[in-house]
Amino acid sequence: MISVIVDLNVLLDVLQKRANFFEPSKYILELGLKSNTELEIFIPAHALTTINYIMQKAFSKDEARKAIEYLIRNFEVAALNKEIVKNALELPFNDLEDAVVASSAKYYKCSHIVTRNLKDFQKSTINPLSPQQLIDYYGF
């Protein structure tokens, strides 16, 4: 089983149908939905509140709720706990949110962080890959 944690930007690519990034990001999420693939997708818990806020502003409260319900129904939620935050604070990251994603990936034994902001995770012990790189790497 390949376990990955998906960064907020990739989730928003799909939910907001961002033209240049939509297809590979959508494909990764679709792979996680299929029972015959070996891909387990984790969503960072803290990303859900940000998604709700952004989706309400961009669309509506109802659309935001539908997005959150879709994510929690179909993917694992990487819960945030004290250990993850403590470990994140010890990482040499400039941004706490990115450090929490990296710490969560390690805590949940993910093999990769799927993100478009690869440079933000250069100091991570968990290998970051873009959605397209993940597709190419595993031949999905």
N, C-alpha and C. Protein backbone atom coordinates (compact mmCIF):
# COMPACT_ATOMS: atom_id res chain seq x y z
N MET A 1 0.85 -1.19 0.00
CA MET A 1 0.00 0.00 0.00
C MET A 1 0.89 1.24 0.00
N ILE A 2 0.57 2.17 -0.88
CA ILE A 2 1.27 3.45 -0.95
C ILE A 2 0.38 4.47 -0.25
N SER A 3 0.91 5.07 0.81
CA SER A 3 0.16 6.10 1.54
C SER A 3 0.80 7.46 1.26
N VAL A 4 -0.05 8.42 0.92
CA VAL A 4 0.43 9.78 0.66
C VAL A 4 -0.45 10.77 1.42
N ILE A 5 0.14 11.90 1.73
CA ILE A 5 -0.64 13.01 2.28
C ILE A 5 -0.70 14.07 1.19
N VAL A 6 -1.88 14.60 0.96
CA VAL A 6 -2.09 15.55 -0.12
C VAL A 6 -2.17 16.96 0.45
N ASP A 7 -1.31 17.82 -0.03
CA ASP A 7 -1.22 19.20 0.44
C ASP A 7 -2.45 20.01 -0.01
N LEU A 8 -2.72 21.06 0.70
CA LEU A 8 -3.88 21.92 0.45
C LEU A 8 -3.96 22.40 -0.99
N ASN A 9 -2.84 22.80 -1.59
CA ASN A 9 -2.88 23.36 -2.95
C ASN A 9 -3.41 22.35 -3.96
N VAL A 10 -3.10 21.08 -3.78
CA VAL A 10 -3.58 20.04 -4.70
C VAL A 10 -5.09 19.85 -4.53
N LEU A 11 -5.54 19.86 -3.30
CA LEU A 11 -6.98 19.72 -3.04
C LEU A 11 -7.75 20.89 -3.65
N LEU A 12 -7.22 22.09 -3.49
CA LEU A 12 -7.88 23.27 -4.06
C LEU A 12 -7.83 23.27 -5.58
N ASP A 13 -6.79 22.69 -6.16
CA ASP A 13 -6.74 22.56 -7.62
C ASP A 13 -7.97 21.82 -8.13
N VAL A 14 -8.36 20.79 -7.42
CA VAL A 14 -9.50 19.98 -7.82
C VAL A 14 -10.81 20.69 -7.48
N LEU A 15 -10.94 21.14 -6.26
CA LEU A 15 -12.20 21.75 -5.81
C LEU A 15 -12.53 23.04 -6.55
N GLN A 16 -11.50 23.79 -6.93
CA GLN A 16 -11.72 25.04 -7.65
C GLN A 16 -11.49 24.89 -9.15
N LYS A 17 -11.21 23.68 -9.58
CA LYS A 17 -10.98 23.38 -11.00
C LYS A 17 -9.97 24.35 -11.63
N ARG A 18 -8.82 24.47 -10.99
CA ARG A 18 -7.76 25.36 -11.48
C ARG A 18 -7.19 24.79 -12.78
N ALA A 19 -7.36 25.54 -13.84
CA ALA A 19 -7.10 25.07 -15.21
C ALA A 19 -5.76 24.37 -15.41
N ASN A 20 -4.68 24.99 -15.04
CA ASN A 20 -3.36 24.42 -15.33
C ASN A 20 -2.98 23.23 -14.47
N PHE A 21 -3.71 22.99 -13.39
CA PHE A 21 -3.31 21.97 -12.44
C PHE A 21 -4.39 20.92 -12.18
N PHE A 22 -5.58 21.13 -12.70
CA PHE A 22 -6.74 20.31 -12.38
C PHE A 22 -6.57 18.83 -12.71
N GLU A 23 -6.18 18.51 -13.94
CA GLU A 23 -6.19 17.12 -14.41
C GLU A 23 -5.32 16.17 -13.59
N PRO A 24 -4.02 16.45 -13.39
CA PRO A 24 -3.23 15.49 -12.61
C PRO A 24 -3.67 15.42 -11.15
N SER A 25 -4.10 16.53 -10.59
CA SER A 25 -4.56 16.53 -9.20
C SER A 25 -5.84 15.71 -9.06
N LYS A 26 -6.76 15.90 -9.99
CA LYS A 26 -8.01 15.13 -9.99
C LYS A 26 -7.72 13.64 -10.15
N TYR A 27 -6.80 13.32 -11.03
CA TYR A 27 -6.45 11.92 -11.29
C TYR A 27 -5.93 11.24 -10.02
N ILE A 28 -5.11 11.94 -9.26
CA ILE A 28 -4.59 11.38 -8.00
C ILE A 28 -5.74 11.08 -7.04
N LEU A 29 -6.65 12.02 -6.88
CA LEU A 29 -7.78 11.79 -5.98
C LEU A 29 -8.65 10.64 -6.48
N GLU A 30 -8.86 10.57 -7.78
CA GLU A 30 -9.66 9.47 -8.34
C GLU A 30 -9.00 8.12 -8.09
N LEU A 31 -7.67 8.07 -8.18
CA LEU A 31 -6.96 6.83 -7.90
C LEU A 31 -7.20 6.38 -6.46
N GLY A 32 -7.22 7.34 -5.54
CA GLY A 32 -7.47 7.02 -4.14
C GLY A 32 -8.86 6.49 -3.88
N LEU A 33 -9.79 6.78 -4.78
CA LEU A 33 -11.17 6.31 -4.64
C LEU A 33 -11.36 4.87 -5.10
N LYS A 34 -10.47 4.41 -5.96
CA LYS A 34 -10.63 3.08 -6.55
C LYS A 34 -10.14 2.01 -5.58
N SER A 35 -10.96 1.00 -5.38
CA SER A 35 -10.61 -0.07 -4.45
C SER A 35 -9.50 -0.98 -4.97
N ASN A 36 -9.27 -0.97 -6.28
CA ASN A 36 -8.26 -1.85 -6.83
C ASN A 36 -6.87 -1.20 -6.94
N THR A 37 -6.74 0.05 -6.51
CA THR A 37 -5.41 0.66 -6.50
C THR A 37 -4.83 0.56 -5.11
N GLU A 38 -3.55 0.65 -5.05
CA GLU A 38 -2.83 0.55 -3.79
C GLU A 38 -2.50 1.93 -3.24
N LEU A 39 -3.34 2.92 -3.49
CA LEU A 39 -3.06 4.29 -3.06
C LEU A 39 -4.03 4.70 -1.95
N GLU A 40 -3.46 5.01 -0.80
CA GLU A 40 -4.23 5.51 0.34
C GLU A 40 -3.91 6.99 0.49
N ILE A 41 -4.95 7.82 0.52
CA ILE A 41 -4.78 9.27 0.57
C ILE A 41 -5.19 9.80 1.92
N PHE A 42 -4.27 10.59 2.52
CA PHE A 42 -4.55 11.30 3.75
C PHE A 42 -4.73 12.78 3.43
N ILE A 43 -5.70 13.38 4.08
CA ILE A 43 -5.95 14.82 3.99
C ILE A 43 -5.57 15.43 5.34
N PRO A 44 -4.72 16.45 5.38
CA PRO A 44 -4.40 17.06 6.67
C PRO A 44 -5.66 17.68 7.29
N ALA A 45 -5.92 17.38 8.54
CA ALA A 45 -7.13 17.87 9.21
C ALA A 45 -7.22 19.39 9.15
N HIS A 46 -6.11 20.06 9.35
CA HIS A 46 -6.14 21.52 9.37
C HIS A 46 -6.50 22.11 8.00
N ALA A 47 -6.29 21.34 6.94
CA ALA A 47 -6.63 21.82 5.60
C ALA A 47 -8.14 21.92 5.41
N LEU A 48 -8.89 21.12 6.14
CA LEU A 48 -10.34 21.12 5.98
C LEU A 48 -10.96 22.46 6.37
N THR A 49 -10.47 23.08 7.42
CA THR A 49 -11.02 24.38 7.82
C THR A 49 -10.65 25.47 6.82
N THR A 50 -9.45 25.37 6.27
CA THR A 50 -9.04 26.34 5.25
C THR A 50 -9.85 26.15 3.98
N ILE A 51 -10.07 24.92 3.59
CA ILE A 51 -10.90 24.64 2.41
C ILE A 51 -12.30 25.18 2.61
N ASN A 52 -12.86 24.96 3.78
CA ASN A 52 -14.20 25.47 4.07
C ASN A 52 -14.25 26.98 3.90
N TYR A 53 -13.28 27.68 4.46
CA TYR A 53 -13.23 29.15 4.37
C TYR A 53 -13.11 29.60 2.91
N ILE A 54 -12.18 29.01 2.18
CA ILE A 54 -11.94 29.43 0.79
C ILE A 54 -13.14 29.11 -0.09
N MET A 55 -13.71 27.95 0.08
CA MET A 55 -14.87 27.55 -0.74
C MET A 55 -16.10 28.41 -0.44
N GLN A 56 -16.29 28.80 0.81
CA GLN A 56 -17.41 29.70 1.14
C GLN A 56 -17.24 31.04 0.45
N LYS A 57 -16.02 31.56 0.47
CA LYS A 57 -15.74 32.87 -0.16
C LYS A 57 -15.88 32.79 -1.68
N ALA A 58 -15.39 31.70 -2.27
CA ALA A 58 -15.39 31.57 -3.73
C ALA A 58 -16.74 31.14 -4.28
N PHE A 59 -17.47 30.33 -3.52
CA PHE A 59 -18.72 29.76 -4.02
C PHE A 59 -19.86 30.05 -3.05
N SER A 60 -20.11 29.14 -2.13
CA SER A 60 -21.19 29.32 -1.16
C SER A 60 -20.95 28.41 0.03
N LYS A 61 -21.71 28.65 1.08
CA LYS A 61 -21.61 27.82 2.27
C LYS A 61 -22.00 26.38 1.93
N ASP A 62 -23.00 26.22 1.10
CA ASP A 62 -23.46 24.89 0.70
C ASP A 62 -22.38 24.15 -0.10
N GLU A 63 -21.72 24.84 -1.02
CA GLU A 63 -20.65 24.22 -1.81
C GLU A 63 -19.47 23.86 -0.92
N ALA A 64 -19.17 24.70 0.04
CA ALA A 64 -18.08 24.41 0.97
C ALA A 64 -18.39 23.15 1.77
N ARG A 65 -19.60 23.05 2.25
CA ARG A 65 -20.01 21.86 3.02
C ARG A 65 -19.92 20.60 2.16
N LYS A 66 -20.38 20.68 0.93
CA LYS A 66 -20.31 19.53 0.02
C LYS A 66 -18.85 19.10 -0.20
N ALA A 67 -17.97 20.06 -0.35
CA ALA A 67 -16.56 19.75 -0.56
C ALA A 67 -15.98 19.02 0.65
N ILE A 68 -16.26 19.52 1.83
CA ILE A 68 -15.76 18.89 3.06
C ILE A 68 -16.34 17.49 3.21
N GLU A 69 -17.63 17.35 2.97
CA GLU A 69 -18.27 16.03 3.08
C GLU A 69 -17.66 15.04 2.09
N TYR A 70 -17.39 15.49 0.88
CA TYR A 70 -16.75 14.64 -0.13
C TYR A 70 -15.38 14.16 0.36
N LEU A 71 -14.58 15.08 0.88
CA LEU A 71 -13.24 14.73 1.32
C LEU A 71 -13.25 13.75 2.49
N ILE A 72 -14.08 14.01 3.49
CA ILE A 72 -14.07 13.13 4.66
C ILE A 72 -14.75 11.79 4.39
N ARG A 73 -15.62 11.74 3.42
CA ARG A 73 -16.28 10.49 3.06
C ARG A 73 -15.32 9.57 2.30
N ASN A 74 -14.43 10.16 1.52
CA ASN A 74 -13.62 9.37 0.60
C ASN A 74 -12.16 9.16 0.98
N PHE A 75 -11.65 9.97 1.89
CA PHE A 75 -10.22 9.90 2.20
C PHE A 75 -10.00 9.86 3.71
N GLU A 76 -8.81 9.43 4.09
CA GLU A 76 -8.44 9.42 5.50
C GLU A 76 -8.11 10.84 5.94
N VAL A 77 -8.51 11.19 7.14
CA VAL A 77 -8.16 12.50 7.69
C VAL A 77 -6.99 12.31 8.64
N ALA A 78 -5.90 12.99 8.35
CA ALA A 78 -4.72 12.95 9.22
C ALA A 78 -4.98 13.90 10.39
N ALA A 79 -5.46 13.32 11.48
CA ALA A 79 -5.80 14.13 12.66
C ALA A 79 -4.56 14.83 13.20
N LEU A 80 -4.79 15.99 13.74
CA LEU A 80 -3.71 16.78 14.31
C LEU A 80 -3.67 16.53 15.81
N ASN A 81 -2.48 16.24 16.32
CA ASN A 81 -2.36 16.03 17.75
C ASN A 81 -1.11 16.74 18.28
N LYS A 82 -0.93 16.68 19.56
CA LYS A 82 0.17 17.38 20.23
C LYS A 82 1.53 16.91 19.70
N GLU A 83 1.68 15.61 19.53
CA GLU A 83 2.96 15.06 19.06
C GLU A 83 3.32 15.59 17.67
N ILE A 84 2.33 15.65 16.79
CA ILE A 84 2.57 16.15 15.43
C ILE A 84 3.00 17.61 15.47
N VAL A 85 2.32 18.42 16.27
CA VAL A 85 2.67 19.85 16.36
C VAL A 85 4.05 20.03 16.99
N LYS A 86 4.34 19.29 18.04
CA LYS A 86 5.66 19.40 18.68
C LYS A 86 6.76 19.04 17.68
N ASN A 87 6.56 17.97 16.95
CA ASN A 87 7.55 17.57 15.94
C ASN A 87 7.66 18.61 14.83
N ALA A 88 6.54 19.18 14.44
CA ALA A 88 6.55 20.21 13.40
C ALA A 88 7.37 21.43 13.84
N LEU A 89 7.24 21.80 15.10
CA LEU A 89 7.98 22.96 15.63
C LEU A 89 9.48 22.72 15.63
N GLU A 90 9.90 21.47 15.64
CA GLU A 90 11.33 21.13 15.64
C GLU A 90 11.91 21.04 14.23
N LEU A 91 11.06 21.01 13.22
CA LEU A 91 11.55 20.90 11.84
C LEU A 91 12.10 22.23 11.35
N PRO A 92 13.09 22.19 10.46
CA PRO A 92 13.71 23.43 9.96
C PRO A 92 12.92 24.08 8.82
N PHE A 93 11.62 24.25 9.02
CA PHE A 93 10.76 24.85 8.00
C PHE A 93 10.51 26.31 8.34
N ASN A 94 10.29 27.12 7.31
CA ASN A 94 9.92 28.52 7.52
C ASN A 94 8.44 28.67 7.83
N ASP A 95 7.63 27.73 7.36
CA ASP A 95 6.18 27.83 7.48
C ASP A 95 5.66 26.68 8.35
N LEU A 96 4.95 27.02 9.42
CA LEU A 96 4.43 26.00 10.33
C LEU A 96 3.44 25.07 9.63
N GLU A 97 2.60 25.61 8.75
CA GLU A 97 1.62 24.77 8.07
C GLU A 97 2.31 23.67 7.27
N ASP A 98 3.37 24.01 6.56
CA ASP A 98 4.12 23.01 5.80
C ASP A 98 4.80 22.01 6.74
N ALA A 99 5.32 22.49 7.84
CA ALA A 99 5.96 21.62 8.83
C ALA A 99 4.94 20.64 9.42
N VAL A 100 3.72 21.09 9.63
CA VAL A 100 2.67 20.21 10.15
C VAL A 100 2.33 19.14 9.11
N VAL A 101 2.29 19.50 7.85
CA VAL A 101 2.03 18.50 6.80
C VAL A 101 3.15 17.46 6.80
N ALA A 102 4.39 17.91 6.85
CA ALA A 102 5.53 16.99 6.86
C ALA A 102 5.52 16.10 8.11
N SER A 103 5.23 16.69 9.25
CA SER A 103 5.17 15.94 10.49
C SER A 103 4.02 14.93 10.46
N SER A 104 2.89 15.33 9.90
CA SER A 104 1.75 14.42 9.76
C SER A 104 2.10 13.27 8.83
N ALA A 105 2.79 13.57 7.75
CA ALA A 105 3.19 12.52 6.80
C ALA A 105 4.05 11.48 7.49
N LYS A 106 4.97 11.93 8.31
CA LYS A 106 5.83 11.00 9.04
C LYS A 106 5.02 10.21 10.07
N TYR A 107 4.18 10.88 10.80
CA TYR A 107 3.36 10.24 11.84
C TYR A 107 2.47 9.14 11.25
N TYR A 108 1.89 9.41 10.09
CA TYR A 108 0.98 8.45 9.44
C TYR A 108 1.71 7.52 8.47
N LYS A 109 3.04 7.57 8.48
CA LYS A 109 3.88 6.68 7.68
C LYS A 109 3.59 6.78 6.18
N CYS A 110 3.43 7.99 5.72
CA CYS A 110 3.21 8.24 4.29
C CYS A 110 4.55 8.17 3.56
N SER A 111 4.51 7.67 2.36
CA SER A 111 5.74 7.60 1.57
C SER A 111 6.03 8.91 0.85
N HIS A 112 4.98 9.72 0.61
CA HIS A 112 5.17 10.97 -0.12
C HIS A 112 4.21 12.06 0.36
N ILE A 113 4.63 13.28 0.14
CA ILE A 113 3.77 14.44 0.28
C ILE A 113 3.46 14.87 -1.15
N VAL A 114 2.18 14.92 -1.51
CA VAL A 114 1.79 15.32 -2.86
C VAL A 114 1.46 16.81 -2.81
N THR A 115 2.26 17.59 -3.52
CA THR A 115 2.14 19.05 -3.47
C THR A 115 2.63 19.65 -4.78
N ARG A 116 2.18 20.85 -5.06
CA ARG A 116 2.75 21.60 -6.19
C ARG A 116 3.90 22.48 -5.71
N ASN A 117 4.01 22.68 -4.42
CA ASN A 117 5.05 23.54 -3.86
C ASN A 117 6.21 22.69 -3.33
N LEU A 118 6.90 22.06 -4.23
CA LEU A 118 7.98 21.15 -3.85
C LEU A 118 9.07 21.84 -3.04
N LYS A 119 9.36 23.08 -3.37
CA LYS A 119 10.41 23.81 -2.66
C LYS A 119 10.08 23.99 -1.17
N ASP A 120 8.81 24.04 -0.84
CA ASP A 120 8.41 24.20 0.56
C ASP A 120 8.73 22.98 1.40
N PHE A 121 8.98 21.84 0.74
CA PHE A 121 9.21 20.59 1.46
C PHE A 121 10.61 20.02 1.22
N GLN A 122 11.54 20.87 0.80
CA GLN A 122 12.91 20.42 0.54
C GLN A 122 13.58 19.86 1.79
N LYS A 123 13.20 20.35 2.95
CA LYS A 123 13.83 19.91 4.19
C LYS A 123 13.07 18.76 4.85
N SER A 124 12.08 18.23 4.18
CA SER A 124 11.28 17.14 4.72
C SER A 124 12.00 15.81 4.57
N THR A 125 11.81 14.95 5.55
CA THR A 125 12.34 13.59 5.44
C THR A 125 11.42 12.71 4.60
N ILE A 126 10.22 13.20 4.33
CA ILE A 126 9.26 12.51 3.47
C ILE A 126 9.36 13.14 2.08
N ASN A 127 9.54 12.32 1.08
CA ASN A 127 9.76 12.78 -0.28
C ASN A 127 8.53 13.51 -0.86
N PRO A 128 8.68 14.78 -1.25
CA PRO A 128 7.57 15.47 -1.90
C PRO A 128 7.57 15.20 -3.41
N LEU A 129 6.38 15.02 -3.94
CA LEU A 129 6.20 14.85 -5.39
C LEU A 129 5.00 15.67 -5.83
N SER A 130 5.06 16.20 -7.03
CA SER A 130 3.89 16.85 -7.61
C SER A 130 2.90 15.75 -8.00
N PRO A 131 1.65 16.09 -8.25
CA PRO A 131 0.71 15.06 -8.70
C PRO A 131 1.22 14.31 -9.94
N GLN A 132 1.75 15.03 -10.92
CA GLN A 132 2.25 14.39 -12.13
C GLN A 132 3.46 13.50 -11.83
N GLN A 133 4.33 13.95 -10.95
CA GLN A 133 5.50 13.15 -10.59
C GLN A 133 5.07 11.84 -9.89
N LEU A 134 4.03 11.91 -9.05
CA LEU A 134 3.53 10.72 -8.39
C LEU A 134 2.97 9.73 -9.43
N ILE A 135 2.23 10.25 -10.39
CA ILE A 135 1.68 9.43 -11.47
C ILE A 135 2.81 8.74 -12.24
N ASP A 136 3.82 9.52 -12.60
CA ASP A 136 4.95 8.98 -13.37
C ASP A 136 5.79 8.00 -12.55
N TYR A 137 6.04 8.33 -11.30
CA TYR A 137 6.89 7.52 -10.42
C TYR A 137 6.35 6.11 -10.24
N TYR A 138 5.02 6.01 -10.03
CA TYR A 138 4.40 4.71 -9.80
C TYR A 138 3.73 4.12 -11.06
N GLY A 139 3.77 4.86 -12.15
CA GLY A 139 3.17 4.36 -13.39
C GLY A 139 1.66 4.22 -13.33
N PHE A 140 1.02 5.10 -12.59
CA PHE A 140 -0.44 5.07 -12.47
C PHE A 140 -1.10 5.46 -13.78
